[in-house]
Amino acid sequence: MKRCLTACAAVALCVSLSLGAVGCTHMNRTQQGALSGGAVGALAGAGISAIAGGSGTMGALIGGGLGALAGGIYGHEKSR
């Protein structure tokens, strides 16, 4: 059941990311970095958490938050 939920979350994330990529043209580098980092972090967090036997949802939330923070910082530094 956990694998099914993780797979469904990954598919939903990929679809939302591909649809959201269309709107990235009007975003600055900080916003683009935060969006990309959040998406990658959520996917990685859910996957790692599911493999480790934890809650995929909690892993996605923590990974998404940390990824968005790191991506925002990286994007901000690139725009300098």
N, C-alpha and C. Protein backbone atom coordinates (compact mmCIF):
# COMPACT_ATOMS: atom_id res chain seq x y z
N MET A 1 0.83 -1.19 0.00
CA MET A 1 0.00 0.00 0.00
C MET A 1 0.88 1.26 0.00
N LYS A 2 1.95 1.23 0.80
CA LYS A 2 2.83 2.40 0.85
C LYS A 2 3.48 2.67 -0.50
N ARG A 3 3.87 1.60 -1.18
CA ARG A 3 4.50 1.78 -2.49
C ARG A 3 3.53 2.37 -3.49
N CYS A 4 2.28 1.95 -3.40
CA CYS A 4 1.26 2.47 -4.30
C CYS A 4 1.04 3.97 -4.05
N LEU A 5 0.97 4.35 -2.78
CA LEU A 5 0.79 5.76 -2.45
C LEU A 5 2.00 6.59 -2.88
N THR A 6 3.18 6.03 -2.68
CA THR A 6 4.39 6.75 -3.09
C THR A 6 4.43 6.90 -4.61
N ALA A 7 4.07 5.86 -5.33
CA ALA A 7 4.06 5.94 -6.78
C ALA A 7 3.02 6.95 -7.26
N CYS A 8 1.85 6.96 -6.63
CA CYS A 8 0.81 7.92 -7.02
C CYS A 8 1.26 9.35 -6.72
N ALA A 9 1.92 9.54 -5.58
CA ALA A 9 2.43 10.87 -5.24
C ALA A 9 3.50 11.31 -6.24
N ALA A 10 4.35 10.39 -6.65
CA ALA A 10 5.40 10.72 -7.61
C ALA A 10 4.80 11.12 -8.96
N VAL A 11 3.80 10.39 -9.40
CA VAL A 11 3.15 10.72 -10.67
C VAL A 11 2.46 12.08 -10.58
N ALA A 12 1.76 12.31 -9.47
CA ALA A 12 1.08 13.60 -9.30
C ALA A 12 2.09 14.75 -9.25
N LEU A 13 3.21 14.51 -8.61
CA LEU A 13 4.25 15.54 -8.54
C LEU A 13 4.83 15.83 -9.92
N CYS A 14 5.08 14.79 -10.69
CA CYS A 14 5.63 14.98 -12.03
C CYS A 14 4.65 15.72 -12.94
N VAL A 15 3.38 15.39 -12.83
CA VAL A 15 2.37 16.08 -13.65
C VAL A 15 2.26 17.54 -13.25
N SER A 16 2.23 17.81 -11.95
CA SER A 16 2.11 19.20 -11.51
C SER A 16 3.37 19.99 -11.85
N LEU A 17 4.52 19.34 -11.78
CA LEU A 17 5.77 20.01 -12.13
C LEU A 17 5.81 20.34 -13.61
N SER A 18 5.36 19.42 -14.44
CA SER A 18 5.38 19.68 -15.89
C SER A 18 4.36 20.75 -16.26
N LEU A 19 3.23 20.77 -15.59
CA LEU A 19 2.25 21.82 -15.86
C LEU A 19 2.72 23.16 -15.30
N GLY A 20 3.40 23.13 -14.17
CA GLY A 20 3.89 24.36 -13.57
C GLY A 20 5.09 24.94 -14.29
N ALA A 21 5.79 24.11 -15.05
CA ALA A 21 6.97 24.59 -15.78
C ALA A 21 6.58 25.59 -16.85
N VAL A 22 5.36 25.52 -17.32
CA VAL A 22 4.90 26.46 -18.34
C VAL A 22 4.88 27.87 -17.78
N GLY A 23 4.54 28.03 -16.51
CA GLY A 23 4.45 29.34 -15.90
C GLY A 23 5.75 29.87 -15.35
N CYS A 24 6.83 29.14 -15.50
CA CYS A 24 8.12 29.55 -14.92
C CYS A 24 8.79 30.68 -15.68
N THR A 25 8.27 31.05 -16.84
CA THR A 25 8.94 32.07 -17.64
C THR A 25 8.86 33.45 -16.99
N HIS A 26 7.86 33.67 -16.15
CA HIS A 26 7.71 34.97 -15.52
C HIS A 26 8.21 34.98 -14.09
N MET A 27 8.95 33.95 -13.71
CA MET A 27 9.48 33.86 -12.36
C MET A 27 10.94 34.26 -12.35
N ASN A 28 11.38 34.85 -11.24
CA ASN A 28 12.80 35.15 -11.14
C ASN A 28 13.56 33.89 -10.71
N ARG A 29 14.88 33.97 -10.65
CA ARG A 29 15.69 32.79 -10.36
C ARG A 29 15.43 32.24 -8.96
N THR A 30 15.17 33.10 -8.00
CA THR A 30 14.89 32.64 -6.65
C THR A 30 13.60 31.82 -6.61
N GLN A 31 12.58 32.30 -7.29
CA GLN A 31 11.31 31.58 -7.32
C GLN A 31 11.43 30.27 -8.09
N GLN A 32 12.14 30.28 -9.20
CA GLN A 32 12.35 29.06 -9.96
C GLN A 32 13.12 28.03 -9.15
N GLY A 33 14.15 28.48 -8.44
CA GLY A 33 14.93 27.57 -7.61
C GLY A 33 14.11 26.98 -6.48
N ALA A 34 13.26 27.81 -5.86
CA ALA A 34 12.42 27.31 -4.77
C ALA A 34 11.41 26.29 -5.29
N LEU A 35 10.81 26.54 -6.44
CA LEU A 35 9.84 25.60 -7.01
C LEU A 35 10.51 24.29 -7.39
N SER A 36 11.62 24.38 -8.09
CA SER A 36 12.33 23.16 -8.50
C SER A 36 12.85 22.39 -7.30
N GLY A 37 13.45 23.10 -6.37
CA GLY A 37 13.99 22.45 -5.17
C GLY A 37 12.90 21.79 -4.35
N GLY A 38 11.77 22.47 -4.23
CA GLY A 38 10.65 21.89 -3.48
C GLY A 38 10.12 20.63 -4.13
N ALA A 39 10.01 20.63 -5.45
CA ALA A 39 9.51 19.45 -6.16
C ALA A 39 10.47 18.27 -6.04
N VAL A 40 11.74 18.53 -6.27
CA VAL A 40 12.74 17.46 -6.18
C VAL A 40 12.86 16.96 -4.73
N GLY A 41 12.85 17.89 -3.79
CA GLY A 41 12.95 17.52 -2.38
C GLY A 41 11.76 16.69 -1.91
N ALA A 42 10.57 17.05 -2.35
CA ALA A 42 9.38 16.29 -1.97
C ALA A 42 9.43 14.88 -2.54
N LEU A 43 9.84 14.76 -3.79
CA LEU A 43 9.93 13.44 -4.40
C LEU A 43 11.00 12.59 -3.71
N ALA A 44 12.15 13.18 -3.47
CA ALA A 44 13.23 12.44 -2.81
C ALA A 44 12.85 12.09 -1.37
N GLY A 45 12.25 13.02 -0.66
CA GLY A 45 11.84 12.77 0.72
C GLY A 45 10.81 11.66 0.83
N ALA A 46 9.83 11.66 -0.08
CA ALA A 46 8.81 10.60 -0.07
C ALA A 46 9.44 9.25 -0.39
N GLY A 47 10.32 9.23 -1.36
CA GLY A 47 10.96 7.97 -1.73
C GLY A 47 11.85 7.41 -0.64
N ILE A 48 12.68 8.26 -0.06
CA ILE A 48 13.57 7.81 1.00
C ILE A 48 12.78 7.35 2.22
N SER A 49 11.76 8.10 2.56
CA SER A 49 10.94 7.75 3.71
C SER A 49 10.20 6.44 3.49
N ALA A 50 9.68 6.22 2.28
CA ALA A 50 8.98 4.97 1.99
C ALA A 50 9.93 3.79 2.02
N ILE A 51 11.13 3.96 1.50
CA ILE A 51 12.12 2.88 1.53
C ILE A 51 12.54 2.57 2.96
N ALA A 52 12.68 3.60 3.78
CA ALA A 52 13.10 3.41 5.17
C ALA A 52 11.98 2.90 6.06
N GLY A 53 10.76 2.84 5.54
CA GLY A 53 9.65 2.32 6.32
C GLY A 53 8.89 3.38 7.10
N GLY A 54 9.15 4.63 6.82
CA GLY A 54 8.44 5.72 7.51
C GLY A 54 7.24 6.19 6.72
N SER A 55 6.74 7.34 7.10
CA SER A 55 5.58 7.92 6.44
C SER A 55 6.04 8.67 5.19
N GLY A 56 5.54 8.27 4.03
CA GLY A 56 5.90 8.94 2.79
C GLY A 56 5.42 10.37 2.75
N THR A 57 4.27 10.63 3.38
CA THR A 57 3.73 11.98 3.41
C THR A 57 4.63 12.90 4.23
N MET A 58 5.05 12.44 5.39
CA MET A 58 5.93 13.25 6.23
C MET A 58 7.27 13.48 5.54
N GLY A 59 7.79 12.46 4.89
CA GLY A 59 9.04 12.60 4.15
C GLY A 59 8.91 13.61 3.02
N ALA A 60 7.77 13.60 2.33
CA ALA A 60 7.55 14.55 1.24
C ALA A 60 7.45 15.97 1.77
N LEU A 61 6.78 16.14 2.90
CA LEU A 61 6.65 17.47 3.48
C LEU A 61 8.00 18.03 3.93
N ILE A 62 8.75 17.21 4.64
CA ILE A 62 10.06 17.66 5.12
C ILE A 62 11.01 17.88 3.94
N GLY A 63 11.07 16.92 3.02
CA GLY A 63 11.94 17.06 1.84
C GLY A 63 11.57 18.24 0.97
N GLY A 64 10.26 18.46 0.80
CA GLY A 64 9.81 19.60 0.00
C GLY A 64 10.18 20.93 0.63
N GLY A 65 10.02 21.02 1.93
CA GLY A 65 10.38 22.25 2.63
C GLY A 65 11.87 22.54 2.56
N LEU A 66 12.67 21.52 2.84
CA LEU A 66 14.12 21.71 2.79
C LEU A 66 14.60 21.96 1.35
N GLY A 67 13.99 21.27 0.39
CA GLY A 67 14.35 21.48 -1.01
C GLY A 67 14.00 22.87 -1.50
N ALA A 68 12.83 23.37 -1.08
CA ALA A 68 12.42 24.72 -1.48
C ALA A 68 13.35 25.76 -0.87
N LEU A 69 13.74 25.56 0.37
CA LEU A 69 14.66 26.49 1.02
C LEU A 69 16.02 26.49 0.32
N ALA A 70 16.56 25.30 0.09
CA ALA A 70 17.86 25.20 -0.58
C ALA A 70 17.79 25.73 -2.01
N GLY A 71 16.73 25.41 -2.73
CA GLY A 71 16.58 25.89 -4.10
C GLY A 71 16.42 27.39 -4.18
N GLY A 72 15.69 27.96 -3.23
CA GLY A 72 15.54 29.41 -3.17
C GLY A 72 16.86 30.12 -2.91
N ILE A 73 17.64 29.57 -1.99
CA ILE A 73 18.95 30.16 -1.69
C ILE A 73 19.87 30.04 -2.91
N TYR A 74 19.86 28.87 -3.55
CA TYR A 74 20.70 28.68 -4.74
C TYR A 74 20.28 29.63 -5.86
N GLY A 75 18.99 29.74 -6.10
CA GLY A 75 18.50 30.63 -7.15
C GLY A 75 18.83 32.09 -6.86
N HIS A 76 18.75 32.48 -5.59
CA HIS A 76 19.08 33.85 -5.22
C HIS A 76 20.56 34.14 -5.45
N GLU A 77 21.40 33.17 -5.12
CA GLU A 77 22.84 33.36 -5.33
C GLU A 77 23.18 33.41 -6.82
N LYS A 78 22.48 32.64 -7.63
CA LYS A 78 22.72 32.66 -9.08
C LYS A 78 22.29 33.99 -9.70
N SER A 79 21.31 34.66 -9.12
CA SER A 79 20.82 35.92 -9.68
C SER A 79 21.70 37.09 -9.30
N ARG A 80 22.60 36.92 -8.39
CA ARG A 80 23.48 38.03 -7.97
C ARG A 80 24.47 38.38 -9.01
